[in-house]
Protein backbone atom coordinates (compact mmCIF):
# COMPACT_ATOMS: atom_id res chain seq x y z
CA MET A 1 75.47 88.14 94.34
CA GLU A 2 77.37 85.34 96.05
CA PHE A 3 78.66 82.41 94.01
CA THR A 4 78.68 78.76 95.05
CA PRO A 5 82.28 77.45 94.99
CA SER A 6 82.92 74.86 92.31
CA ASP A 7 84.41 71.43 92.96
CA GLU A 8 87.03 72.41 90.38
CA VAL A 9 88.65 74.65 92.96
CA VAL A 10 90.12 71.43 94.38
CA GLY A 11 93.62 71.06 93.01
CA CYS A 12 93.75 74.71 91.90
CA ASP A 13 96.80 75.50 94.05
CA GLU A 14 98.65 72.48 92.66
CA ARG A 15 97.79 73.53 89.09
CA GLN A 16 99.13 77.02 89.76
CA ARG A 17 102.35 75.52 91.17
CA ASN A 18 102.65 73.39 88.04
CA GLU A 19 102.20 76.47 85.86
CA GLY A 20 104.96 78.21 87.81
CA ARG A 21 107.27 75.24 87.29
CA LYS A 22 106.51 75.18 83.55
CA LEU A 23 107.26 78.87 83.25
CA ARG A 24 110.57 78.45 85.11
CA VAL A 25 111.57 75.70 82.65
CA ARG A 26 110.74 77.97 79.70
CA LEU A 27 112.67 80.81 81.26
CA ALA A 28 115.65 78.45 81.67
CA ILE A 29 115.42 77.67 77.95
CA LEU A 30 115.39 81.37 77.20
CA TRP A 31 118.46 81.75 79.42
CA GLY A 32 120.24 79.02 77.48
CA SER A 33 119.57 81.04 74.32
CA GLY A 34 121.37 84.04 75.69
CA GLY A 35 119.46 85.11 78.78
CA VAL A 36 118.66 88.53 77.36
CA ILE A 37 115.18 88.70 78.85
CA LEU A 38 116.29 87.88 82.41
CA VAL A 39 119.32 90.15 82.23
CA VAL A 40 117.17 93.07 81.10
CA LEU A 41 114.56 92.26 83.76
CA LEU A 42 117.27 92.40 86.42
CA ILE A 43 118.40 95.77 85.09
CA VAL A 44 114.82 97.04 85.02
CA TRP A 45 114.26 95.84 88.57
CA ALA A 46 117.37 97.58 89.83
CA VAL A 47 116.51 100.83 88.03
CA THR A 48 112.90 100.70 89.22
CA LYS A 49 113.99 100.01 92.79
CA ASN A 50 116.32 103.01 92.74
CA ASN A 51 113.67 105.13 91.04
CA LYS A 52 111.11 104.31 93.75
CA ALA A 53 113.58 105.17 96.48
CA SER A 54 114.41 108.52 94.90
CA HIS A 55 110.79 109.41 94.16
CA ALA A 56 109.24 108.45 97.49
CA GLY A 57 106.49 110.84 98.48
CA LYS A 58 106.05 112.41 95.04
CA SER A 59 102.88 112.74 92.97
CA THR A 60 102.53 109.02 92.20
CA THR A 61 101.57 108.50 95.84
CA SER A 62 98.67 110.97 95.71
CA THR A 63 95.46 109.75 97.24
CA THR A 64 91.93 109.54 95.95
CA THR A 65 88.97 110.62 98.07
CA ALA A 66 86.28 109.24 95.76
CA ARG A 67 84.58 105.88 96.00
CA ARG A 68 87.28 104.19 98.11
CA ASP A 69 84.68 103.05 100.63
CA VAL A 70 82.15 101.58 98.22
CA TYR A 71 84.05 98.64 96.73
CA ASN A 72 81.67 95.69 96.58
CA PRO A 73 83.43 92.28 96.56
CA ALA A 74 80.28 90.57 95.26
CA GLU A 75 80.31 92.94 92.29
CA GLY A 76 84.02 92.23 91.92
CA ARG A 77 83.18 88.52 91.57
CA MET A 78 80.57 89.28 88.91
CA PHE A 79 83.05 91.27 86.84
CA ALA A 80 85.79 88.68 87.38
CA SER A 81 83.52 86.05 85.83
CA LEU A 82 82.81 88.39 82.91
CA ALA A 83 86.56 88.87 82.37
CA SER A 84 87.06 85.10 82.65
CA MET A 85 84.29 84.51 80.11
CA SER A 86 86.38 86.26 77.45
CA TYR A 87 88.91 83.39 77.62
CA CYS A 88 86.27 80.81 76.69
CA GLN A 89 87.17 79.14 73.38
CA ASN A 90 83.67 77.81 72.81
CA ASP A 91 82.18 80.67 70.77
CA THR A 92 78.72 79.12 70.71
CA SER A 93 78.45 79.10 74.49
CA ILE A 94 79.37 82.78 74.53
CA LEU A 95 76.96 83.78 71.78
CA ASP A 96 74.04 81.98 73.40
CA TRP A 97 75.28 83.02 76.87
CA THR A 98 75.28 79.51 78.32
CA CYS A 99 78.96 79.26 79.31
CA SER A 100 79.67 78.61 82.99
CA ALA A 101 81.45 81.94 83.44
CA CYS A 102 78.52 83.67 81.72
CA GLN A 103 76.15 82.17 84.27
CA ASP A 104 78.52 82.78 87.19
CA SER A 105 78.52 86.48 86.35
CA SER A 106 74.80 86.80 87.18
CA THR A 107 74.69 89.28 84.30
CA PRO A 108 72.25 88.10 81.62
CA LEU A 109 72.98 89.18 78.04
CA ILE A 110 70.59 88.78 75.12
CA PRO A 111 71.51 85.91 72.74
CA GLY A 112 71.52 87.26 69.21
CA ARG A 113 72.82 90.60 70.48
CA ILE A 114 76.29 89.44 71.39
CA LYS A 115 79.32 90.03 69.15
CA ILE A 116 82.85 88.62 69.24
CA VAL A 117 85.61 90.81 67.82
CA ASP A 118 88.85 88.95 67.01
CA ALA A 119 91.94 90.74 65.73
CA GLY A 120 95.71 90.68 65.75
CA ARG A 121 98.26 87.98 65.02
CA GLY A 122 96.51 84.65 65.39
CA ASN A 123 93.42 86.47 66.69
CA ASP A 124 95.35 87.13 69.88
CA THR A 125 93.07 90.07 70.71
CA ARG A 126 89.44 89.30 71.52
CA ILE A 127 86.62 91.54 72.75
CA ILE A 128 83.12 90.41 73.70
CA ILE A 129 80.37 93.01 73.22
CA GLY A 130 76.78 92.34 74.25
CA LYS A 131 73.48 93.93 75.23
CA LEU A 132 72.30 93.45 78.80
CA ARG A 133 68.92 91.79 79.12
CA HIS A 134 67.52 93.80 82.02
CA GLU A 135 69.12 97.16 81.39
CA ASN A 136 69.57 99.54 78.48
CA ALA A 137 73.33 99.09 78.56
CA CYS A 138 76.11 97.07 76.96
CA LEU A 139 79.06 95.02 78.16
CA VAL A 140 82.56 95.32 76.70
CA ALA A 141 84.97 92.61 77.91
CA PHE A 142 88.61 92.53 76.77
CA ARG A 143 90.50 89.24 76.89
CA GLY A 144 94.16 89.05 77.81
CA THR A 145 96.78 87.47 75.58
CA THR A 146 96.47 83.71 75.04
CA SER A 147 100.07 82.63 74.46
CA LEU A 148 103.17 82.55 76.62
CA ASP A 149 105.39 83.80 73.77
CA ASN A 150 103.16 86.80 73.13
CA TRP A 151 102.81 87.35 76.87
CA LEU A 152 106.57 87.62 77.29
CA ARG A 153 106.91 89.77 74.18
CA ASN A 154 104.09 92.09 75.23
CA PHE A 155 105.82 92.74 78.53
CA GLN A 156 109.24 93.66 77.17
CA PHE A 157 108.33 97.17 78.27
CA TRP A 158 111.82 98.20 79.27
CA SER A 159 112.63 99.21 75.71
CA THR A 160 109.51 101.31 75.11
CA SER A 161 108.84 104.75 76.54
CA PRO A 162 105.22 105.95 76.38
CA GLY A 163 104.04 107.63 73.15
CA HIS A 164 101.40 110.29 72.53
CA PHE A 165 97.75 109.53 73.38
CA HIS A 166 95.55 112.24 71.94
CA GLU A 167 92.42 111.49 73.98
CA CYS A 168 93.72 113.65 76.85
CA GLU A 169 96.15 116.55 77.09
CA GLY A 170 99.76 115.63 77.78
CA CYS A 171 98.90 111.95 77.94
CA ARG A 172 101.32 109.29 76.78
CA VAL A 173 100.72 105.53 76.68
CA HIS A 174 102.58 102.38 75.74
CA ASN A 175 102.83 102.35 71.94
CA GLY A 176 102.16 98.62 71.71
CA PHE A 177 98.91 98.92 73.66
CA LEU A 178 97.89 101.94 71.62
CA ALA A 179 98.51 100.14 68.30
CA ILE A 180 96.29 97.24 69.41
CA TRP A 181 93.50 99.55 70.56
CA ARG A 182 93.60 101.59 67.35
CA ASN A 183 93.38 98.35 65.37
CA VAL A 184 90.17 97.24 67.09
CA ALA A 185 88.47 100.49 68.13
CA GLY A 186 86.38 100.78 64.96
CA ALA A 187 85.18 97.20 65.21
CA VAL A 188 84.24 97.70 68.87
CA PHE A 189 82.23 100.81 68.04
CA SER A 190 80.46 99.02 65.16
CA ALA A 191 79.65 96.04 67.37
CA LEU A 192 78.20 98.29 70.07
CA THR A 193 75.92 99.88 67.49
CA GLU A 194 74.89 96.49 66.09
CA VAL A 195 73.90 95.07 69.48
CA GLY A 196 71.85 98.13 70.37
CA CYS A 197 74.00 100.73 72.16
CA SER A 198 74.43 104.21 70.73
CA PRO A 199 76.41 107.21 71.98
CA THR A 200 73.71 109.55 70.69
CA ASP A 201 70.85 107.91 72.60
CA PRO A 202 70.92 108.66 76.35
CA ASN A 203 68.65 105.67 76.88
CA SER A 204 71.15 103.20 75.43
CA ASN A 205 74.63 104.68 75.82
CA SER A 206 75.70 103.08 79.12
CA ILE A 207 78.74 100.79 79.07
CA TYR A 208 80.03 98.25 81.58
CA ILE A 209 83.66 97.42 80.92
CA THR A 210 86.13 94.80 82.09
CA GLY A 211 89.35 93.08 81.06
CA HIS A 212 92.22 90.98 82.36
CA SER A 213 95.96 91.50 81.81
CA LEU A 214 96.56 93.03 78.37
CA GLY A 215 92.76 93.26 78.12
CA ALA A 216 92.74 95.47 81.22
CA ALA A 217 95.25 97.82 79.60
CA LEU A 218 93.06 98.05 76.48
CA ALA A 219 90.00 98.64 78.67
CA HIS A 220 91.65 101.64 80.32
CA MET A 221 92.39 103.26 76.95
CA ALA A 222 89.00 102.30 75.54
CA MET A 223 87.28 104.16 78.37
CA PHE A 224 88.77 107.45 77.13
CA THR A 225 87.73 106.81 73.52
CA LEU A 226 84.22 105.62 74.33
CA HIS A 227 83.72 108.55 76.71
CA LYS A 228 84.84 110.98 74.01
CA LEU A 229 82.44 109.38 71.50
CA GLY A 230 79.53 110.01 73.87
CA PHE A 231 79.13 106.68 75.67
CA ALA A 232 78.58 106.79 79.42
CA ILE A 233 80.88 104.42 81.33
CA ALA A 234 78.66 103.02 84.10
CA LYS A 235 81.17 100.77 85.89
CA ALA A 236 84.63 99.38 85.20
CA TYR A 237 86.45 96.54 86.96
CA THR A 238 89.78 95.44 85.51
CA PHE A 239 92.13 92.70 86.67
CA GLU A 240 95.94 92.38 86.76
CA SER A 241 96.56 95.37 84.51
CA PRO A 242 100.05 96.52 83.59
CA ARG A 243 100.80 100.22 83.78
CA VAL A 244 99.40 101.88 80.66
CA GLY A 245 100.51 105.49 80.52
CA ASN A 246 102.29 108.41 82.14
CA GLY A 247 101.31 110.59 85.09
CA ASN A 248 99.06 112.80 82.95
CA PHE A 249 97.20 109.72 81.72
CA SER A 250 96.74 108.55 85.31
CA GLU A 251 95.55 111.96 86.49
CA ALA A 252 93.16 112.39 83.56
CA PHE A 253 91.78 108.90 84.22
CA SER A 254 91.09 109.86 87.84
CA ALA A 255 89.45 113.11 86.79
CA TYR A 256 87.18 111.49 84.20
CA PHE A 257 86.21 108.22 85.84
CA PRO A 258 86.70 107.10 89.49
CA SER A 259 85.21 110.31 90.91
CA LYS A 260 81.95 109.71 89.05
CA PHE A 261 81.24 105.95 89.20
CA PRO A 262 82.83 102.70 90.41
CA VAL A 263 86.20 102.06 88.75
CA TYR A 264 88.48 99.44 90.29
CA ARG A 265 91.81 97.98 89.21
CA ILE A 266 92.15 94.66 91.00
CA THR A 267 95.55 93.11 91.70
CA HIS A 268 96.53 89.79 93.25
CA SER A 269 99.44 88.87 95.50
CA GLN A 270 102.84 88.78 93.73
CA ASP A 271 101.64 88.85 90.12
CA PRO A 272 104.56 90.41 88.18
CA VAL A 273 102.44 92.03 85.46
CA PRO A 274 101.20 95.08 87.46
CA HIS A 275 104.86 96.01 88.02
CA LEU A 276 105.46 96.55 84.29
CA PRO A 277 106.24 98.75 82.44
CA PRO A 278 108.49 100.22 85.15
CA GLU A 279 107.94 103.61 86.75
CA SER A 280 111.51 104.49 85.72
CA LEU A 281 110.29 104.85 82.12
CA GLY A 282 107.56 107.28 83.13
CA TYR A 283 104.63 104.89 83.60
CA VAL A 284 102.09 105.33 86.41
CA HIS A 285 99.12 103.14 87.32
CA VAL A 286 95.50 104.35 87.29
CA GLN A 287 93.23 104.41 90.31
CA THR A 288 91.62 102.77 92.21
CA GLU A 289 93.58 99.65 93.15
CA VAL A 290 92.00 96.85 95.19
CA PHE A 291 94.68 94.44 96.35
CA TYR A 292 93.85 90.79 97.11
CA ASN A 293 96.17 88.49 98.99
CA LYS A 294 96.43 84.75 98.34
CA THR A 295 93.71 83.86 100.85
CA GLY A 296 91.13 86.25 99.46
CA GLY A 297 91.55 89.10 101.89
CA TYR A 298 91.52 92.51 100.25
CA GLN A 299 92.15 96.18 100.85
CA VAL A 300 91.22 99.28 98.88
CA CYS A 301 94.43 101.23 98.24
CA PRO A 302 94.34 105.00 98.81
CA LYS A 303 97.45 105.76 96.74
CA VAL A 304 98.08 105.40 93.02
CA GLU A 305 101.36 103.55 93.57
CA ASP A 306 100.69 102.14 97.02
CA THR A 307 103.47 100.34 98.90
CA SER A 308 100.91 98.72 101.18
CA CYS A 309 99.32 96.97 98.18
CA SER A 310 100.89 95.30 95.13
CA ASP A 311 103.77 97.79 95.22
CA GLN A 312 105.00 96.20 98.44
CA TYR A 313 106.65 93.72 96.06
CA GLY A 314 109.27 94.85 93.57
CA ASN A 315 111.59 92.04 92.52
CA VAL A 316 110.17 91.47 89.04
CA PRO A 317 112.56 88.67 87.95
CA LEU A 318 111.81 86.72 91.13
CA MET A 319 108.06 87.25 90.75
CA LEU A 320 108.19 86.21 87.11
CA ALA A 321 110.12 83.06 87.96
CA LEU A 322 108.28 82.02 91.12
CA HIS A 323 104.89 83.74 91.15
CA ALA A 324 103.71 83.82 87.53
CA GLY A 325 100.73 81.70 88.60
CA ASP A 326 99.41 84.68 90.56
CA HIS A 327 98.57 86.35 87.25
CA CYS A 328 95.65 84.01 86.54
CA ALA A 329 94.93 82.86 90.08
CA SER A 330 91.94 84.59 91.62
CA THR A 331 89.67 83.94 94.58
CA LEU A 332 87.00 85.95 92.74
CA VAL A 333 86.09 83.14 90.31
CA PRO A 334 84.64 79.78 91.40
CA ASN A 335 87.51 77.62 90.10
CA GLY A 336 90.26 80.00 91.24
CA ASP A 337 91.65 80.53 87.71
CA ILE A 338 90.44 83.54 85.75
CA CYS A 339 92.26 82.42 82.57
CA ARG A 340 90.64 78.98 82.42
CA PRO A 341 86.86 79.27 82.68
CA ILE A 342 85.07 76.04 83.54
CA GLY A 343 83.68 74.01 80.66
CA CYS A 344 85.41 75.95 77.87
CA SER A 345 88.13 73.36 77.13
CA GLY A 346 90.66 76.13 76.52
CA LYS A 347 94.32 75.99 77.55
CA ASN A 348 95.65 78.31 80.21
CA VAL A 349 97.34 81.52 79.11
CA LEU A 350 100.64 80.23 80.50
CA GLU A 351 100.46 76.89 78.66
CA THR A 352 99.88 77.91 75.06
CA HIS A 353 102.67 78.86 72.65
CA ALA A 354 102.19 80.95 69.52
CA THR A 355 103.37 79.30 66.34
């Protein structure tokens, strides 16, 4: 379903430029404190660049033949609004499903059968679980991190090699992501049961899943767990996800999910986050990427690590310093900013510091 552009899109580009300037100032402060983050980023970029050159044409460029031609941009907009909804700080407007992003999604949920799961330091992890009104299915939406400090800390991936993920053979994932998912998995399962979805009932076991940033990474792991429990993943659209696991994780993901139903990992322009953790540490993205440029044009990417899509960019320090605004910017939501849903009075992910 098409959305009517909001007047709030006016000034969106200027706001994104302001966010980029703010981030550059904060990075300068970090540099004055020792510059460790930028130095390590430069090292990671150099290693990753060399790694890509030496691994050109290997398995991470394998193609997918399933569902590449069925990406629906209108459906992408619906899921983008659902991912944006998770950033809304007005809990009441989520629970009664009256928030602007809720309405923009054209996906009615049943008030009274919507749960909010908060966890982590300062409730930095949030998941919205709800029962669809017109379908025997549930939504699971993972929010990204809400503070710049945590955002930078979460993406210090250069020091962490992937650890064991027992949901699939030979799979390894980022230990930080895995710890967060293990911390909330039980609460997510309980919430699904409470709102009316059960893995043992084929008439109510369907799940629609989305997430942005760190939330996208959690969504990718959650799909394995929910599938193993008996839930049926109906569709999954994630946005600006980092790499989550190793090649086995990526291959298992492709075997379980994209070949059976729509699963899309949407990236935008020069957002630095999809380039971390680096391939040099053994991380590989999951399929299927849909790459959007700044003007809203898109292409479905046939390769896992596709140099015609987001992988055409590789200078992570430069992207972090000059293009951080691309992480929240999106032509798929009416106001152009997936991290700041209209009418929720919340601060942007790149403006809030943890205390």
